[in-house]
Amino acid sequence: MELKIFWTDFAKAELNKIYKYLKENASLEIAKNENKKIVQSTLRLSKQPEIGQIEPMLIERKMEFKYLLHQTYKIIYWVNFKQNRIEIMDVFETYQQPKKIKRTK
C-alpha cells in the first residue's frame, strides 16, 4: 500500500525559508531547483517509508521520527499509519546547532 506524503505547515515554512535564502544568496534558478529536489527526495517514502534513519535528537518523543538526507538538509518525518501518510515535519539545515532540531513538535 502506498502512503501519501503530507507536508506540515512548519515543514512548508522551513522549505520556504530555504527557497528565500537561496534566491537571495545564489539565484532564483538554484532556489527553485533545490526546493524541487528536496520535495522529490521525499516521494520515495510513499513506497518505502522505513528507509530513513531514526533521528537521535528526537528519540524521547512519542512518535518515532526518522530522517532522510538531501545534501546538507535533514528531512524529518514520521509514518502516520492511522492516516495512511508520511508526515514531513521539518527540513533542517545540518549546518545549524544540532540542538535546534528539537524545535520540531
C-alpha atoms as a PDB file:
ATOM      1  CA  MET A   1       0.000   0.000   0.000  1.00  0.00           C
ATOM      2  CA  GLU A   2       1.301   3.399  -0.962  1.00  0.00           C
ATOM      3  CA  LEU A   3       1.283   6.135   1.665  1.00  0.00           C
ATOM      4  CA  LYS A   4       0.515   9.775   0.914  1.00  0.00           C
ATOM      5  CA  ILE A   5       3.128  12.458   1.519  1.00  0.00           C
ATOM      6  CA  PHE A   6       1.846  15.244   3.757  1.00  0.00           C
ATOM      7  CA  TRP A   7       3.864  18.400   4.464  1.00  0.00           C
ATOM      8  CA  THR A   8       3.096  20.154   7.752  1.00  0.00           C
ATOM      9  CA  ASP A   9       2.827  23.925   7.823  1.00  0.00           C
ATOM     10  CA  PHE A  10       6.079  24.061   9.796  1.00  0.00           C
ATOM     11  CA  ALA A  11       7.937  21.995   7.179  1.00  0.00           C
ATOM     12  CA  LYS A  12       6.489  24.136   4.369  1.00  0.00           C
ATOM     13  CA  ALA A  13       7.654  27.274   6.178  1.00  0.00           C
ATOM     14  CA  GLU A  14      11.170  25.850   6.566  1.00  0.00           C
ATOM     15  CA  LEU A  15      11.251  24.910   2.879  1.00  0.00           C
ATOM     16  CA  ASN A  16      10.148  28.455   2.053  1.00  0.00           C
ATOM     17  CA  LYS A  17      12.989  29.863   4.201  1.00  0.00           C
ATOM     18  CA  ILE A  18      15.466  27.737   2.256  1.00  0.00           C
ATOM     19  CA  TYR A  19      13.971  28.995  -1.005  1.00  0.00           C
ATOM     20  CA  LYS A  20      14.225  32.649   0.062  1.00  0.00           C
ATOM     21  CA  TYR A  21      17.780  32.220   1.320  1.00  0.00           C
ATOM     22  CA  LEU A  22      18.964  30.567  -1.893  1.00  0.00           C
ATOM     23  CA  LYS A  23      17.118  33.101  -4.042  1.00  0.00           C
ATOM     24  CA  GLU A  24      18.860  35.979  -2.255  1.00  0.00           C
ATOM     25  CA  ASN A  25      22.301  34.369  -1.907  1.00  0.00           C
ATOM     26  CA  ALA A  26      22.574  32.235  -5.029  1.00  0.00           C
ATOM     27  CA  SER A  27      19.921  32.650  -7.736  1.00  0.00           C
ATOM     28  CA  LEU A  28      16.257  32.132  -8.472  1.00  0.00           C
ATOM     29  CA  GLU A  29      17.060  29.078 -10.587  1.00  0.00           C
ATOM     30  CA  ILE A  30      19.126  27.444  -7.819  1.00  0.00           C
ATOM     31  CA  ALA A  31      16.385  28.166  -5.276  1.00  0.00           C
ATOM     32  CA  LYS A  32      13.721  26.568  -7.485  1.00  0.00           C
ATOM     33  CA  ASN A  33      15.881  23.549  -8.338  1.00  0.00           C
ATOM     34  CA  GLU A  34      16.926  22.879  -4.750  1.00  0.00           C
ATOM     35  CA  ASN A  35      13.365  23.078  -3.428  1.00  0.00           C
ATOM     36  CA  LYS A  36      12.212  20.779  -6.217  1.00  0.00           C
ATOM     37  CA  LYS A  37      14.949  18.260  -5.367  1.00  0.00           C
ATOM     38  CA  ILE A  38      14.081  18.335  -1.665  1.00  0.00           C
ATOM     39  CA  VAL A  39      10.424  17.654  -2.397  1.00  0.00           C
ATOM     40  CA  GLN A  40      11.255  14.937  -4.946  1.00  0.00           C
ATOM     41  CA  SER A  41      13.539  13.179  -2.471  1.00  0.00           C
ATOM     42  CA  THR A  42      10.523  12.619  -0.197  1.00  0.00           C
ATOM     43  CA  LEU A  43       8.437  10.898  -2.877  1.00  0.00           C
ATOM     44  CA  ARG A  44      10.175   7.564  -2.445  1.00  0.00           C
ATOM     45  CA  LEU A  45       8.868   7.457   1.127  1.00  0.00           C
ATOM     46  CA  SER A  46       5.371   6.672  -0.158  1.00  0.00           C
ATOM     47  CA  LYS A  47       6.553   3.192  -1.168  1.00  0.00           C
ATOM     48  CA  GLN A  48       9.482   2.820   1.238  1.00  0.00           C
ATOM     49  CA  PRO A  49       8.557   4.599   4.483  1.00  0.00           C
ATOM     50  CA  GLU A  50      11.161   2.775   6.535  1.00  0.00           C
ATOM     51  CA  ILE A  51      14.232   3.872   4.529  1.00  0.00           C
ATOM     52  CA  GLY A  52      15.069   6.779   6.819  1.00  0.00           C
ATOM     53  CA  GLN A  53      17.200   6.571   9.921  1.00  0.00           C
ATOM     54  CA  ILE A  54      15.857   7.293  13.400  1.00  0.00           C
ATOM     55  CA  GLU A  55      16.594  10.870  14.455  1.00  0.00           C
ATOM     56  CA  PRO A  56      18.594  10.527  17.705  1.00  0.00           C
ATOM     57  CA  MET A  57      17.905  14.111  18.823  1.00  0.00           C
ATOM     58  CA  LEU A  58      14.154  13.377  18.874  1.00  0.00           C
ATOM     59  CA  ILE A  59      14.277   9.893  20.392  1.00  0.00           C
ATOM     60  CA  GLU A  60      12.386  10.958  23.531  1.00  0.00           C
ATOM     61  CA  ARG A  61       9.268  11.924  21.547  1.00  0.00           C
ATOM     62  CA  LYS A  62       6.136   9.773  21.434  1.00  0.00           C
ATOM     63  CA  MET A  63       6.369   9.359  17.674  1.00  0.00           C
ATOM     64  CA  GLU A  64       9.335   7.739  16.005  1.00  0.00           C
ATOM     65  CA  PHE A  65      10.905  10.495  13.950  1.00  0.00           C
ATOM     66  CA  LYS A  66      13.117   9.485  11.071  1.00  0.00           C
ATOM     67  CA  TYR A  67      15.081  11.478   8.559  1.00  0.00           C
ATOM     68  CA  LEU A  68      16.300  11.411   5.002  1.00  0.00           C
ATOM     69  CA  LEU A  69      19.384  13.308   3.987  1.00  0.00           C
ATOM     70  CA  HIS A  70      19.372  15.541   0.957  1.00  0.00           C
ATOM     71  CA  GLN A  71      22.735  17.219   0.599  1.00  0.00           C
ATOM     72  CA  THR A  72      23.037  19.355   3.757  1.00  0.00           C
ATOM     73  CA  TYR A  73      19.372  19.012   4.755  1.00  0.00           C
ATOM     74  CA  LYS A  74      17.697  16.548   7.093  1.00  0.00           C
ATOM     75  CA  ILE A  75      14.112  15.918   6.089  1.00  0.00           C
ATOM     76  CA  ILE A  76      12.406  14.934   9.338  1.00  0.00           C
ATOM     77  CA  TYR A  77       9.307  12.764   9.073  1.00  0.00           C
ATOM     78  CA  TRP A  78       7.197  10.148  10.805  1.00  0.00           C
ATOM     79  CA  VAL A  79       4.913   7.452   9.475  1.00  0.00           C
ATOM     80  CA  ASN A  80       1.293   8.078  10.453  1.00  0.00           C
ATOM     81  CA  PHE A  81      -0.313   4.707   9.767  1.00  0.00           C
ATOM     82  CA  LYS A  82      -3.679   5.844  11.172  1.00  0.00           C
ATOM     83  CA  GLN A  83      -3.951   8.496   8.465  1.00  0.00           C
ATOM     84  CA  ASN A  84      -2.120   6.372   5.873  1.00  0.00           C
ATOM     85  CA  ARG A  85       0.516   9.032   5.259  1.00  0.00           C
ATOM     86  CA  ILE A  86       4.081  10.172   5.754  1.00  0.00           C
ATOM     87  CA  GLU A  87       4.174  13.470   7.615  1.00  0.00           C
ATOM     88  CA  ILE A  88       7.101  15.704   6.717  1.00  0.00           C
ATOM     89  CA  MET A  89       7.697  17.645   9.921  1.00  0.00           C
ATOM     90  CA  ASP A  90      10.817  19.696   9.215  1.00  0.00           C
ATOM     91  CA  VAL A  91      13.585  20.414   6.742  1.00  0.00           C
ATOM     92  CA  PHE A  92      16.618  21.044   8.886  1.00  0.00           C
ATOM     93  CA  GLU A  93      19.870  22.585   7.645  1.00  0.00           C
ATOM     94  CA  THR A  94      22.615  20.433   9.163  1.00  0.00           C
ATOM     95  CA  TYR A  95      24.953  23.416   9.490  1.00  0.00           C
ATOM     96  CA  GLN A  96      22.795  24.612  12.392  1.00  0.00           C
ATOM     97  CA  GLN A  97      23.383  23.665  16.002  1.00  0.00           C
ATOM     98  CA  PRO A  98      22.079  20.083  16.399  1.00  0.00           C
ATOM     99  CA  LYS A  99      20.018  21.068  19.463  1.00  0.00           C
ATOM    100  CA  LYS A 100      17.865  23.298  17.264  1.00  0.00           C
ATOM    101  CA  ILE A 101      16.302  20.209  15.717  1.00  0.00           C
ATOM    102  CA  LYS A 102      14.220  19.826  18.870  1.00  0.00           C
ATOM    103  CA  ARG A 103      12.089  22.734  17.679  1.00  0.00           C
ATOM    104  CA  THR A 104      10.080  20.154  15.709  1.00  0.00           C
ATOM    105  CA  LYS A 105       6.881  19.436  17.640  1.00  0.00           C
END
